[in-house]
Amino acid sequence: MPNFMDLLGLCKLKVVALILLTAVVGMFLSVPAPYLPDLVLVLIASSGIGLAAASAAVFNHIVDEQIDMQMSRTDQRPLPQGKVSRKQALVWGVFLGVMGLGILQFFVNTLTMILTFSSLIGYAVIYTLYLKRATPQNIVIGGAAGAAPPILGWTAITGAAGIEQAFLLFLIVFIWTPPHFWALAIHRVEEYKKVKVPMLPVTHGLAYTRAQILLYTVLLLLVSVLPYLVGMSGLIYLLAALILGLIFLGYGIKIYKNPDDKKLPLAAFLYSINYLMLLFAALLLDHYWLILL
């Protein structure tokens, strides 16, 4: 029997934490300041969304087991190491998914459960099983599943009320996803070639991918100011979005202009994670700054 830590190793806890951050921010932004959402509902919805996200991660591990065995970035995962069998992983993934969706259905609302289930299927099946191996636009198309959590958080608190504002948060994560993953893909391009996964730098070359990263970082900077332009957020968020976005754009420009710098893509990938965390933290701070004074 696998130990619990090996099972947790299938859940991509860092990814789940980032997903939960964007979902929780969606929950708080769905309620006009200075009011707070029902904190018990926030905890319940977060547990349901988190369990479903962990389930999707487990299924990703199962589908990618053969690929993971051949890549140095992933060959230490529980399945390639033989610490967890495919059957055990499957049972664990189903358990997490059923628990998460059940919590959302019985203690949150049906809309959030359906959207969460759709996101789970989008990532674990459509992206991992098909798109990842079928098209270099896998990240762009599949990114919709990873961008859903702010909407899930929003609907968990308000249902469909004001959901159009949640789509702005969705759009930010959706546009953020390609430069985030393509920077890593450049860093690991030889491994993706070896396992024949058609990531953009494999199919279209490094120069084209660098240009796309630059294009998307420009687009992300523009999209990130939309919450301010529509009156959803204020100057605190705008300042943070501009500073964080310009730094990200700086990475995009450097990657484009310095193709021989092998360290830049990984540095950009790592910064992109901090960018998203800080951007959503700024959304939350801006929403409640008067309370904090």
Protein backbone atom coordinates (compact mmCIF):
# COMPACT_ATOMS: atom_id res chain seq x y z
CA MET A 1 0.00 0.00 0.00
CA PRO A 2 1.30 3.50 -0.82
CA ASN A 3 1.81 5.88 2.06
CA PHE A 4 -0.23 9.05 2.28
CA MET A 5 2.64 11.31 1.25
CA ASP A 6 3.04 9.37 -2.00
CA LEU A 7 -0.67 9.85 -2.69
CA LEU A 8 -0.33 13.55 -1.96
CA GLY A 9 2.57 13.62 -4.39
CA LEU A 10 0.08 12.86 -7.15
CA CYS A 11 -1.98 15.94 -6.33
CA LYS A 12 0.39 18.71 -7.48
CA LEU A 13 -0.19 20.65 -4.28
CA LYS A 14 1.61 23.79 -5.46
CA VAL A 15 -0.63 23.95 -8.51
CA VAL A 16 -3.72 23.30 -6.38
CA ALA A 17 -2.65 26.11 -4.04
CA LEU A 18 -2.41 28.55 -6.97
CA ILE A 19 -5.81 27.39 -8.23
CA LEU A 20 -7.32 27.93 -4.79
CA LEU A 21 -5.82 31.41 -4.53
CA THR A 22 -7.52 32.52 -7.73
CA ALA A 23 -10.77 30.83 -6.69
CA VAL A 24 -10.78 32.42 -3.22
CA VAL A 25 -10.08 35.86 -4.67
CA GLY A 26 -13.06 35.30 -6.97
CA MET A 27 -15.16 34.51 -3.88
CA PHE A 28 -14.21 37.69 -2.06
CA LEU A 29 -14.51 39.94 -5.10
CA SER A 30 -18.03 38.65 -5.73
CA VAL A 31 -19.23 40.51 -2.62
CA PRO A 32 -19.21 44.34 -2.57
CA ALA A 33 -16.72 45.82 -0.11
CA PRO A 34 -16.72 46.27 2.84
CA TYR A 35 -18.83 43.15 3.17
CA LEU A 36 -17.32 39.68 3.41
CA PRO A 37 -18.64 36.48 1.90
CA ASP A 38 -19.90 33.75 4.22
CA LEU A 39 -16.56 32.48 5.51
CA VAL A 40 -17.94 29.00 6.23
CA LEU A 41 -19.11 28.82 2.62
CA VAL A 42 -15.66 30.02 1.49
CA LEU A 43 -14.01 27.15 3.37
CA ILE A 44 -16.51 24.56 2.10
CA ALA A 45 -16.30 25.74 -1.51
CA SER A 46 -12.50 25.89 -1.33
CA SER A 47 -12.35 22.30 -0.10
CA GLY A 48 -14.60 21.13 -2.93
CA ILE A 49 -12.72 23.03 -5.62
CA GLY A 50 -9.37 21.96 -4.15
CA LEU A 51 -10.30 18.29 -4.06
CA ALA A 52 -11.53 18.42 -7.66
CA ALA A 53 -8.31 20.14 -8.75
CA ALA A 54 -6.27 17.47 -6.95
CA SER A 55 -8.32 14.79 -8.70
CA ALA A 56 -7.53 16.34 -12.10
CA ALA A 57 -3.83 16.36 -11.17
CA VAL A 58 -3.94 12.66 -10.29
CA PHE A 59 -5.50 11.78 -13.64
CA ASN A 60 -2.84 13.90 -15.34
CA HIS A 61 -0.18 11.78 -13.61
CA ILE A 62 -1.89 8.56 -14.74
CA VAL A 63 -2.17 9.61 -18.39
CA ASP A 64 1.38 11.01 -18.49
CA GLU A 65 3.10 8.15 -16.67
CA GLN A 66 5.09 6.97 -19.70
CA ILE A 67 6.11 10.51 -20.59
CA ASP A 68 7.02 11.30 -16.99
CA MET A 69 9.37 8.30 -16.88
CA GLN A 70 11.46 9.81 -19.69
CA MET A 71 11.72 13.40 -18.44
CA SER A 72 14.13 14.46 -15.71
CA ARG A 73 11.62 17.06 -14.48
CA THR A 74 9.02 14.38 -13.76
CA ASP A 75 10.77 11.02 -13.40
CA GLN A 76 10.75 11.28 -9.59
CA ARG A 77 6.97 11.39 -9.39
CA PRO A 78 5.24 8.56 -7.48
CA LEU A 79 4.02 6.63 -10.53
CA PRO A 80 7.33 6.52 -12.46
CA GLN A 81 9.07 5.56 -9.21
CA GLY A 82 6.64 2.69 -8.63
CA LYS A 83 5.56 4.05 -5.25
CA VAL A 84 1.93 4.08 -6.37
CA SER A 85 0.35 1.71 -8.89
CA ARG A 86 -1.91 2.92 -11.70
CA LYS A 87 -4.89 1.20 -10.06
CA GLN A 88 -4.19 2.84 -6.73
CA ALA A 89 -3.79 6.21 -8.42
CA LEU A 90 -7.05 5.72 -10.31
CA VAL A 91 -8.96 4.90 -7.12
CA TRP A 92 -7.39 7.89 -5.37
CA GLY A 93 -8.25 10.22 -8.25
CA VAL A 94 -11.86 9.04 -8.40
CA PHE A 95 -12.19 9.37 -4.63
CA LEU A 96 -10.92 12.95 -4.64
CA GLY A 97 -13.14 13.89 -7.56
CA VAL A 98 -16.30 12.37 -6.09
CA MET A 99 -15.62 13.99 -2.72
CA GLY A 100 -14.94 17.40 -4.24
CA LEU A 101 -17.93 17.41 -6.57
CA GLY A 102 -20.16 15.98 -3.83
CA ILE A 103 -19.21 18.79 -1.46
CA LEU A 104 -19.98 21.38 -4.13
CA GLN A 105 -23.31 19.79 -5.05
CA PHE A 106 -24.67 19.30 -1.54
CA PHE A 107 -23.13 22.24 0.34
CA VAL A 108 -22.51 24.94 -2.30
CA ASN A 109 -24.63 24.92 -5.48
CA THR A 110 -25.22 22.90 -8.62
CA LEU A 111 -23.84 25.55 -10.99
CA THR A 112 -20.45 25.53 -9.28
CA MET A 113 -20.41 21.73 -9.26
CA ILE A 114 -21.16 21.56 -13.01
CA LEU A 115 -18.54 24.19 -13.85
CA THR A 116 -15.97 22.45 -11.66
CA PHE A 117 -16.73 19.08 -13.25
CA SER A 118 -16.39 20.65 -16.70
CA SER A 119 -13.04 22.12 -15.70
CA LEU A 120 -11.87 18.75 -14.36
CA ILE A 121 -12.83 17.01 -17.61
CA GLY A 122 -11.28 19.82 -19.64
CA TYR A 123 -7.91 19.42 -17.93
CA ALA A 124 -7.74 15.71 -17.15
CA VAL A 125 -9.30 14.42 -20.38
CA ILE A 126 -9.50 17.00 -23.17
CA TYR A 127 -6.12 18.63 -22.48
CA THR A 128 -4.05 15.81 -20.99
CA LEU A 129 -5.40 12.92 -23.03
CA TYR A 130 -5.91 14.65 -26.37
CA LEU A 131 -4.75 18.24 -26.86
CA LYS A 132 -1.34 17.81 -25.25
CA ARG A 133 -0.41 15.20 -27.85
CA ALA A 134 -2.37 16.62 -30.78
CA THR A 135 -1.52 20.29 -31.28
CA PRO A 136 1.13 22.87 -30.38
CA GLN A 137 -1.78 25.08 -29.32
CA ASN A 138 -2.48 22.61 -26.48
CA ILE A 139 -1.68 25.16 -23.80
CA VAL A 140 -3.76 27.91 -25.40
CA ILE A 141 -6.88 25.78 -25.82
CA GLY A 142 -6.44 23.74 -22.67
CA GLY A 143 -5.73 26.86 -20.67
CA ALA A 144 -9.46 27.50 -20.41
CA ALA A 145 -9.74 24.72 -17.81
CA GLY A 146 -6.94 26.14 -15.71
CA ALA A 147 -8.42 29.64 -15.94
CA ALA A 148 -11.82 28.60 -14.58
CA PRO A 149 -11.19 28.80 -10.78
CA PRO A 150 -12.02 32.53 -10.39
CA ILE A 151 -15.40 31.82 -11.98
CA LEU A 152 -15.88 28.78 -9.75
CA GLY A 153 -15.15 30.90 -6.69
CA TRP A 154 -17.51 33.61 -7.85
CA THR A 155 -20.45 31.27 -8.53
CA ALA A 156 -19.86 29.45 -5.24
CA ILE A 157 -20.85 32.64 -3.40
CA THR A 158 -23.33 34.40 -5.68
CA GLY A 159 -24.50 31.84 -8.22
CA ALA A 160 -24.57 33.49 -11.64
CA ALA A 161 -25.01 37.04 -10.31
CA GLY A 162 -22.34 39.39 -11.70
CA ILE A 163 -20.50 36.52 -13.35
CA GLU A 164 -19.42 38.78 -16.23
CA GLN A 165 -16.89 40.37 -13.85
CA ALA A 166 -15.51 36.94 -13.02
CA PHE A 167 -14.82 36.44 -16.73
CA LEU A 168 -12.28 39.27 -16.53
CA LEU A 169 -10.36 37.25 -13.93
CA PHE A 170 -10.74 34.18 -16.14
CA LEU A 171 -9.31 36.14 -19.07
CA ILE A 172 -6.25 37.20 -17.09
CA VAL A 173 -5.37 33.61 -16.16
CA PHE A 174 -6.19 32.42 -19.69
CA ILE A 175 -3.78 34.89 -21.31
CA TRP A 176 -1.16 34.27 -18.59
CA THR A 177 -1.06 30.52 -19.23
CA PRO A 178 0.75 30.40 -22.64
CA PRO A 179 3.80 32.54 -21.75
CA HIS A 180 3.99 30.76 -18.40
CA PHE A 181 4.15 27.28 -19.95
CA TRP A 182 6.04 28.19 -23.10
CA ALA A 183 8.89 29.59 -21.03
CA LEU A 184 9.15 26.20 -19.32
CA ALA A 185 8.81 24.45 -22.69
CA ILE A 186 11.81 26.35 -24.04
CA HIS A 187 13.79 25.40 -20.96
CA ARG A 188 12.81 21.72 -21.42
CA VAL A 189 12.58 21.63 -25.20
CA GLU A 190 14.95 18.67 -25.65
CA GLU A 191 12.92 16.55 -23.25
CA TYR A 192 9.66 17.41 -25.02
CA LYS A 193 11.32 16.43 -28.31
CA LYS A 194 12.40 13.11 -26.80
CA VAL A 195 8.90 12.19 -25.68
CA LYS A 196 7.33 13.58 -28.90
CA VAL A 197 4.99 16.03 -27.20
CA PRO A 198 4.21 18.78 -29.76
CA MET A 199 4.91 21.78 -27.56
CA LEU A 200 5.30 25.00 -29.52
CA PRO A 201 9.14 25.17 -29.43
CA VAL A 202 9.26 21.59 -30.72
CA THR A 203 6.93 22.14 -33.68
CA HIS A 204 7.60 25.78 -34.57
CA GLY A 205 11.08 26.37 -33.21
CA LEU A 206 12.54 28.45 -30.42
CA ALA A 207 12.53 31.78 -32.29
CA TYR A 208 8.81 31.57 -33.02
CA THR A 209 8.05 30.57 -29.42
CA ARG A 210 10.05 33.50 -28.07
CA ALA A 211 8.05 35.85 -30.30
CA GLN A 212 4.80 34.32 -29.04
CA ILE A 213 5.88 34.74 -25.41
CA LEU A 214 6.58 38.41 -26.09
CA LEU A 215 3.22 38.83 -27.84
CA TYR A 216 1.31 37.22 -24.98
CA THR A 217 3.12 39.23 -22.29
CA VAL A 218 2.09 42.42 -24.12
CA LEU A 219 -1.48 41.13 -24.36
CA LEU A 220 -1.42 40.13 -20.69
CA LEU A 221 -0.34 43.61 -19.65
CA LEU A 222 -3.29 45.08 -21.55
CA VAL A 223 -5.80 42.54 -20.26
CA SER A 224 -4.63 42.90 -16.67
CA VAL A 225 -5.78 46.53 -16.51
CA LEU A 226 -9.34 45.70 -17.56
CA PRO A 227 -10.59 45.28 -13.95
CA TYR A 228 -9.57 48.90 -13.35
CA LEU A 229 -11.02 50.19 -16.61
CA VAL A 230 -14.45 48.71 -15.90
CA GLY A 231 -14.47 49.97 -12.31
CA MET A 232 -14.04 46.57 -10.72
CA SER A 233 -10.79 47.59 -9.02
CA GLY A 234 -9.01 50.80 -8.10
CA LEU A 235 -5.63 52.48 -8.22
CA ILE A 236 -3.90 50.05 -5.87
CA TYR A 237 -4.62 47.19 -8.24
CA LEU A 238 -3.79 49.27 -11.33
CA LEU A 239 -0.37 50.19 -9.97
CA ALA A 240 0.36 46.56 -9.06
CA ALA A 241 -0.85 45.30 -12.45
CA LEU A 242 1.34 47.77 -14.31
CA ILE A 243 4.47 47.08 -12.25
CA LEU A 244 4.07 43.31 -12.30
CA GLY A 245 3.09 43.32 -15.97
CA LEU A 246 6.03 45.48 -17.03
CA ILE A 247 8.42 43.15 -15.23
CA PHE A 248 6.86 40.17 -17.01
CA LEU A 249 7.07 42.06 -20.30
CA GLY A 250 10.73 42.72 -19.53
CA TYR A 251 11.29 38.98 -19.32
CA GLY A 252 9.49 38.54 -22.63
CA ILE A 253 11.70 41.15 -24.29
CA LYS A 254 14.87 39.64 -22.83
CA ILE A 255 13.91 36.13 -23.97
CA TYR A 256 13.23 37.49 -27.46
CA LYS A 257 16.45 39.48 -27.70
CA ASN A 258 18.78 37.02 -25.95
CA PRO A 259 18.16 33.60 -27.53
CA ASP A 260 21.46 32.21 -26.24
CA ASP A 261 20.71 32.92 -22.58
CA LYS A 262 19.71 29.49 -21.25
CA LYS A 263 18.73 30.77 -17.81
CA LEU A 264 16.14 33.34 -18.90
CA PRO A 265 13.26 30.97 -19.79
CA LEU A 266 13.36 29.24 -16.41
CA ALA A 267 13.62 32.59 -14.63
CA ALA A 268 10.60 33.84 -16.59
CA PHE A 269 8.66 30.69 -15.73
CA LEU A 270 9.37 31.10 -12.02
CA TYR A 271 8.52 34.80 -12.11
CA SER A 272 5.23 34.06 -13.88
CA ILE A 273 4.07 32.05 -10.86
CA ASN A 274 4.88 34.92 -8.51
CA TYR A 275 3.25 37.34 -10.96
CA LEU A 276 -0.11 35.58 -10.80
CA MET A 277 -0.04 35.20 -7.03
CA LEU A 278 0.85 38.86 -6.47
CA LEU A 279 -1.64 40.10 -9.06
CA PHE A 280 -4.54 38.30 -7.40
CA ALA A 281 -3.33 39.36 -3.97
CA ALA A 282 -3.41 42.95 -5.27
CA LEU A 283 -7.00 42.44 -6.41
CA LEU A 284 -7.93 41.37 -2.90
CA LEU A 285 -5.98 44.18 -1.22
CA ASP A 286 -7.52 46.77 -3.50
CA HIS A 287 -11.01 45.43 -2.76
CA TYR A 288 -10.65 45.72 1.02
CA TRP A 289 -7.99 48.39 1.53
CA LEU A 290 -10.35 50.72 3.38
CA ILE A 291 -11.07 48.02 5.96
CA LEU A 292 -7.35 47.47 6.48
CA LEU A 293 -6.64 51.13 7.24
